[in-house]
Protein backbone atom coordinates (compact mmCIF):
# COMPACT_ATOMS: atom_id res chain seq x y z
CA MET A 1 -28.01 -20.47 65.84
CA ALA A 2 -24.38 -20.44 64.73
CA THR A 3 -23.33 -22.57 61.76
CA ILE A 4 -20.18 -24.69 61.89
CA ARG A 5 -18.41 -25.50 58.65
CA VAL A 6 -16.66 -28.86 58.44
CA ARG A 7 -14.42 -30.42 55.83
CA ASP A 8 -15.86 -32.90 53.35
CA TRP A 9 -13.79 -35.68 54.93
CA THR A 10 -15.19 -34.84 58.39
CA LYS A 11 -18.75 -34.66 57.07
CA LYS A 12 -18.36 -38.06 55.45
CA GLN A 13 -17.11 -39.58 58.72
CA ILE A 14 -20.03 -38.06 60.62
CA GLU A 15 -22.51 -39.47 58.11
CA GLU A 16 -20.95 -42.93 58.38
CA ILE A 17 -21.24 -42.84 62.18
CA LEU A 18 -24.83 -41.64 61.85
CA GLU A 19 -25.71 -44.70 59.74
CA GLU A 20 -23.70 -47.24 61.74
CA GLU A 21 -24.88 -46.14 65.18
CA SER A 22 -28.44 -45.16 64.17
CA HIS A 23 -28.25 -41.56 65.34
CA SER A 24 -31.22 -39.32 64.64
CA SER A 25 -29.17 -36.38 63.32
CA HIS A 26 -25.69 -34.99 62.73
CA ASP A 27 -26.10 -33.04 65.96
CA SER A 28 -26.59 -36.31 67.84
CA VAL A 29 -23.38 -37.73 66.36
CA ILE A 30 -21.35 -34.69 67.39
CA LYS A 31 -22.75 -34.75 70.93
CA ALA A 32 -21.82 -38.42 71.26
CA LEU A 33 -18.30 -37.74 69.99
CA LEU A 34 -17.88 -34.89 72.46
CA LYS A 35 -18.94 -37.18 75.29
CA ASP A 36 -16.41 -39.79 74.12
CA ARG A 37 -13.72 -37.13 74.07
CA GLU A 38 -14.49 -36.03 77.62
CA LEU A 39 -14.39 -39.64 78.80
CA ALA A 40 -11.09 -40.20 77.03
CA LYS A 41 -9.60 -37.12 78.67
CA PHE A 42 -10.83 -38.32 82.04
CA ALA A 43 -9.19 -41.70 81.45
CA GLY A 44 -5.94 -40.07 80.32
CA THR A 45 -6.25 -41.20 76.68
CA ASP A 46 -4.52 -39.05 74.08
CA ILE A 47 -6.96 -37.98 71.37
CA GLU A 48 -5.37 -37.53 67.96
CA THR A 49 -7.05 -34.89 65.83
CA GLU A 50 -7.68 -35.11 62.10
CA GLU A 51 -5.16 -32.35 61.46
CA SER A 52 -2.33 -33.98 63.39
CA THR A 53 -3.03 -37.29 61.68
CA SER A 54 -2.84 -35.76 58.22
CA ASN A 55 0.38 -33.95 59.09
CA ALA A 56 1.95 -37.14 60.39
CA ASP A 57 0.97 -38.95 57.20
CA GLN A 58 2.70 -36.40 54.96
CA GLN A 59 5.76 -37.84 53.32
CA PRO A 60 8.23 -36.38 50.83
CA PRO A 61 7.59 -37.37 47.20
CA GLU A 62 9.27 -40.60 46.19
CA ASN A 63 11.82 -40.83 43.37
CA LYS A 64 12.34 -37.07 43.06
CA ALA A 65 15.19 -36.01 40.81
CA PHE A 66 16.63 -33.66 43.49
CA ASP A 67 16.40 -33.60 47.27
CA GLU A 68 16.74 -29.83 47.66
CA LEU A 69 14.81 -28.77 44.54
CA THR A 70 11.04 -29.19 44.63
CA VAL A 71 8.20 -27.89 42.50
CA LEU A 72 6.10 -25.75 44.81
CA SER A 73 2.94 -27.85 44.40
CA GLU A 74 4.49 -30.86 46.17
CA MET A 75 6.41 -28.92 48.81
CA TYR A 76 5.28 -29.89 52.30
CA ARG A 77 8.12 -28.82 54.61
CA ALA A 78 10.87 -26.21 54.37
CA ASP A 79 14.24 -26.26 56.12
CA ASN A 80 14.34 -23.46 58.70
CA ASP A 81 10.89 -22.37 57.44
CA VAL A 82 12.46 -20.58 54.45
CA LEU A 83 11.90 -21.18 50.73
CA PHE A 84 13.66 -19.53 47.79
CA LEU A 85 11.46 -19.49 44.68
CA TRP A 86 13.02 -19.63 41.21
CA CYS A 87 11.86 -19.49 37.60
CA PRO A 88 12.85 -22.71 35.77
CA ASN A 89 12.88 -20.96 32.40
CA CYS A 90 15.38 -18.14 32.86
CA GLY A 91 16.92 -19.11 36.21
CA LYS A 92 15.92 -15.94 38.05
CA GLU A 93 15.09 -15.84 41.75
CA LEU A 94 11.46 -14.80 42.06
CA ALA A 95 11.08 -14.36 45.81
CA HIS A 96 11.91 -15.88 49.15
CA LEU A 97 9.23 -16.88 51.61
CA THR A 98 9.23 -17.32 55.35
CA LEU A 99 6.41 -19.62 56.38
CA GLU A 100 5.38 -22.18 58.95
CA ASN A 101 5.58 -25.93 58.48
CA PRO A 102 3.80 -28.00 57.33
CA ILE A 103 3.31 -26.29 53.96
CA ASP A 104 0.11 -26.69 51.96
CA ILE A 105 0.06 -24.53 48.82
CA SER A 106 -2.86 -25.31 46.53
CA ILE A 107 -2.68 -22.14 44.41
CA PHE A 108 0.28 -19.80 43.89
CA GLU A 109 0.80 -17.54 40.89
CA MET A 110 3.29 -14.85 39.96
CA GLU A 111 5.05 -13.41 36.92
CA CYS A 112 8.77 -13.68 36.32
CA GLN A 113 10.09 -10.15 35.88
CA ARG A 114 12.94 -11.32 33.65
CA CYS A 115 11.28 -13.62 31.07
CA LEU A 116 7.73 -12.29 31.72
CA ASN A 117 6.21 -15.76 31.91
CA HIS A 118 3.17 -16.24 34.12
CA LEU A 119 4.05 -19.06 36.53
CA ASP A 120 2.08 -21.11 39.02
CA GLN A 121 2.64 -23.77 41.67
CA HIS A 122 3.14 -26.48 39.02
CA VAL A 123 6.27 -24.85 37.63
CA ILE A 124 7.83 -22.57 40.27
CA ILE A 125 10.83 -24.26 41.89
CA ALA A 126 11.49 -24.06 45.62
CA ILE A 127 15.21 -24.21 46.43
CA GLU A 128 16.10 -25.23 49.95
CA ILE A 129 19.13 -24.18 51.95
CA GLY A 130 21.01 -27.44 51.37
CA TYR A 131 21.19 -26.95 47.59
CA PRO A 132 24.70 -25.76 46.50
CA ILE A 133 23.40 -22.80 44.54
CA GLU A 134 26.65 -20.79 44.43
CA GLU A 135 28.54 -23.78 43.08
CA LYS A 136 25.84 -24.43 40.49
CA LEU A 137 25.91 -20.79 39.37
CA VAL A 138 29.68 -20.88 38.94
CA GLU A 139 29.46 -24.14 36.97
CA ASP A 140 26.50 -22.78 34.96
CA ASN A 141 24.41 -25.83 35.87
CA LEU A 142 21.55 -24.15 37.73
CA GLN A 143 19.14 -23.79 34.81
CA ALA A 144 19.73 -27.38 33.70
CA ASP A 145 18.83 -28.58 37.20
CA LEU A 146 15.72 -26.37 37.34
CA LYS A 147 14.56 -27.72 33.98
CA GLU A 148 15.21 -31.33 34.97
CA CYS A 149 13.37 -30.83 38.26
CA THR A 150 10.34 -29.39 36.46
CA ILE A 151 10.18 -32.12 33.81
CA ASP A 152 10.59 -34.80 36.47
CA TYR A 153 7.65 -33.34 38.44
CA TRP A 154 5.39 -33.07 35.38
CA ASP A 155 6.13 -36.67 34.41
CA ARG A 156 5.48 -38.05 37.90
CA HIS A 157 2.40 -35.89 38.42
CA LEU A 158 0.73 -37.04 35.20
CA GLU A 159 1.65 -40.66 35.87
CA GLN A 160 0.04 -40.45 39.31
CA SER A 161 -3.05 -38.79 37.82
CA THR A 162 -4.04 -42.03 36.06
CA GLU A 163 -5.41 -43.13 39.44
CA ASN A 164 -7.82 -40.18 39.62
CA THR A 165 -11.58 -40.52 39.37
CA VAL A 166 -13.65 -39.67 36.31
CA THR A 167 -14.76 -36.39 37.89
CA GLU A 168 -11.13 -35.25 38.01
CA GLU A 169 -10.33 -36.06 34.38
CA SER A 170 -11.23 -32.63 33.03
CA ALA A 171 -8.90 -30.98 35.54
CA ILE A 172 -6.05 -33.27 34.49
CA GLU A 173 -6.69 -32.54 30.80
CA GLN A 174 -6.53 -28.84 31.62
CA LEU A 175 -3.21 -29.47 33.35
CA VAL A 176 -1.88 -31.23 30.25
CA TRP A 177 -2.77 -28.15 28.20
CA GLN A 178 -1.02 -25.97 30.77
CA PHE A 179 2.17 -28.07 30.72
CA ASP A 180 2.10 -27.99 26.92
CA GLN A 181 1.90 -24.19 26.99
CA TYR A 182 4.85 -23.96 29.36
CA VAL A 183 7.02 -26.13 27.09
CA ARG A 184 6.12 -23.96 24.09
CA ASN A 185 6.72 -20.69 25.95
CA PHE A 186 10.01 -21.89 27.41
CA GLN A 187 11.08 -23.32 24.02
CA TRP A 188 12.54 -26.35 25.74
CA ASP A 189 14.04 -29.24 23.81
CA TRP A 190 12.22 -32.26 25.19
CA PRO A 191 14.32 -35.28 26.29
CA ASP A 192 13.64 -38.41 24.24
CA ASP A 193 13.67 -40.69 27.32
CA VAL A 194 10.71 -38.96 29.03
CA PRO A 195 7.12 -39.21 27.74
CA VAL A 196 5.96 -35.91 26.25
CA VAL A 197 3.53 -33.56 28.00
CA GLY A 198 2.33 -31.84 24.82
CA PHE A 199 1.44 -32.25 21.16
CA GLU A 200 3.04 -30.00 18.56
CA ALA A 201 2.89 -29.79 14.77
CA GLY A 202 6.05 -31.07 13.09
CA ASP A 203 6.84 -33.65 15.77
CA THR A 204 6.94 -37.39 15.21
CA LEU A 205 5.89 -39.30 18.30
CA HIS A 206 6.34 -42.96 19.16
CA ASN A 207 3.36 -44.56 20.87
CA LYS A 208 5.20 -47.32 22.72
CA VAL A 209 2.01 -48.96 23.93
CA ASP A 210 0.69 -49.67 20.41
CA ASP A 211 4.15 -49.55 18.80
CA GLU A 212 3.11 -47.01 16.20
CA LEU A 213 4.45 -43.68 14.99
CA ILE A 214 2.36 -40.51 14.88
CA GLU A 215 3.33 -37.66 12.59
CA VAL A 216 1.70 -34.48 13.88
CA ILE A 217 0.75 -32.38 10.86
CA GLU A 218 -1.29 -29.41 12.05
CA PRO A 219 -4.01 -28.38 14.50
CA VAL A 220 -7.57 -28.40 13.17
CA THR A 221 -9.07 -26.42 16.06
CA GLU A 222 -8.12 -23.15 17.71
CA ASN A 223 -8.91 -23.67 21.38
CA ARG A 224 -7.63 -20.90 23.61
CA ASN A 225 -7.62 -22.73 26.94
CA ALA A 226 -7.71 -26.41 26.03
CA LEU A 227 -5.88 -28.95 23.91
CA ASP A 228 -6.49 -28.81 20.17
CA SER A 229 -7.42 -31.67 17.87
CA PHE A 230 -4.80 -32.40 15.19
CA GLU A 231 -4.45 -33.81 11.72
CA VAL A 232 -2.00 -36.70 11.97
CA LYS A 233 -0.59 -39.72 10.20
CA ARG A 234 -0.45 -42.95 12.18
CA TYR A 235 1.39 -46.03 11.00
CA PRO A 236 3.15 -49.07 12.49
CA GLU A 237 6.84 -48.69 13.14
CA GLY A 238 8.92 -49.91 10.22
CA THR A 239 6.30 -49.24 7.54
CA ASP A 240 6.30 -46.57 4.84
CA PRO A 241 4.74 -43.33 6.19
CA ASN A 242 3.84 -42.29 2.64
CA GLU A 243 1.30 -45.10 2.53
CA ALA A 244 -0.47 -43.89 5.68
CA ARG A 245 -3.64 -41.85 5.42
CA THR A 246 -4.16 -38.63 7.31
CA GLU A 247 -6.80 -38.60 10.02
CA ILE A 248 -8.08 -36.34 12.76
CA MET A 249 -7.02 -37.17 16.30
CA ASP A 250 -9.35 -35.45 18.73
CA SER A 251 -8.17 -33.66 21.85
CA ASN A 252 -9.57 -36.29 24.24
CA MET A 253 -7.55 -39.06 22.59
CA ILE A 254 -4.43 -36.88 22.64
CA ALA A 255 -4.93 -36.08 26.32
CA ASN A 256 -5.38 -39.76 27.19
CA LEU A 257 -2.17 -40.74 25.39
CA ILE A 258 -0.25 -38.01 27.22
CA ILE A 259 -1.77 -38.77 30.63
CA ASN A 260 -1.08 -42.49 30.21
CA ARG A 261 2.57 -41.59 29.45
CA SER A 262 2.53 -43.42 26.12
CA LEU A 263 4.15 -40.92 23.74
CA TYR A 264 7.87 -40.34 23.26
CA LEU A 265 9.53 -37.86 20.94
CA GLU A 266 11.04 -39.71 17.99
CA GLU A 267 14.58 -38.66 17.15
CA ASP A 268 15.08 -37.18 13.69
CA GLU A 269 17.02 -39.42 11.37
CA PRO A 270 20.46 -38.02 10.47
């Protein structure tokens, strides 16, 4: 007998119907639904499928920094079915894609041939036709826009991730490590009005939730694919840092502070 694969969402709905209507099996539920569909067709009722419902529910991200610049991960529709992909680090066009709407890209990876950075869907920028790219190139503002678009996406994405379940926490922590690596590889100066996405020796960070300063001294682990733990000094704002003791801040605590958007880069005193 042939096996039919269904999405987790569909399976959950079938199981709920099975319990509510006291069906004897999943097969019984599906047969009943098929009968309902035939009756609806006979009566002239329009049946809306799961796919069409999900497509109708798709909305553009709110509060994006740019209308025509979008990080590939949150791209859902392209003007004229065409996307131009750019590297936010060096400002090189990576490729252009012709594809059908709606767009759903869960994984996309490629290497920039100019700066040789390995990029994925959380950093590649899709430029749409409405963006004034020639004008931006003449004014030498393109790379600044690409950087701002990327930072804006990272900030919003991590802020939204605070609503995720416990089972998704490890994936978010891995994403924090990935964003941190991008910032290091790109050698970007981080804006002081946006919470940081990484943790680097030599930085002084302001935890605005607890109103304390954190001097990042050095890593005490050498993780290859995860955040490190660090030796730090923590002290209330306005107190003498020389009186603070050093301590070890583990990677889980660091990840939580970053995910909760608590840490801001402290400006160096002149």
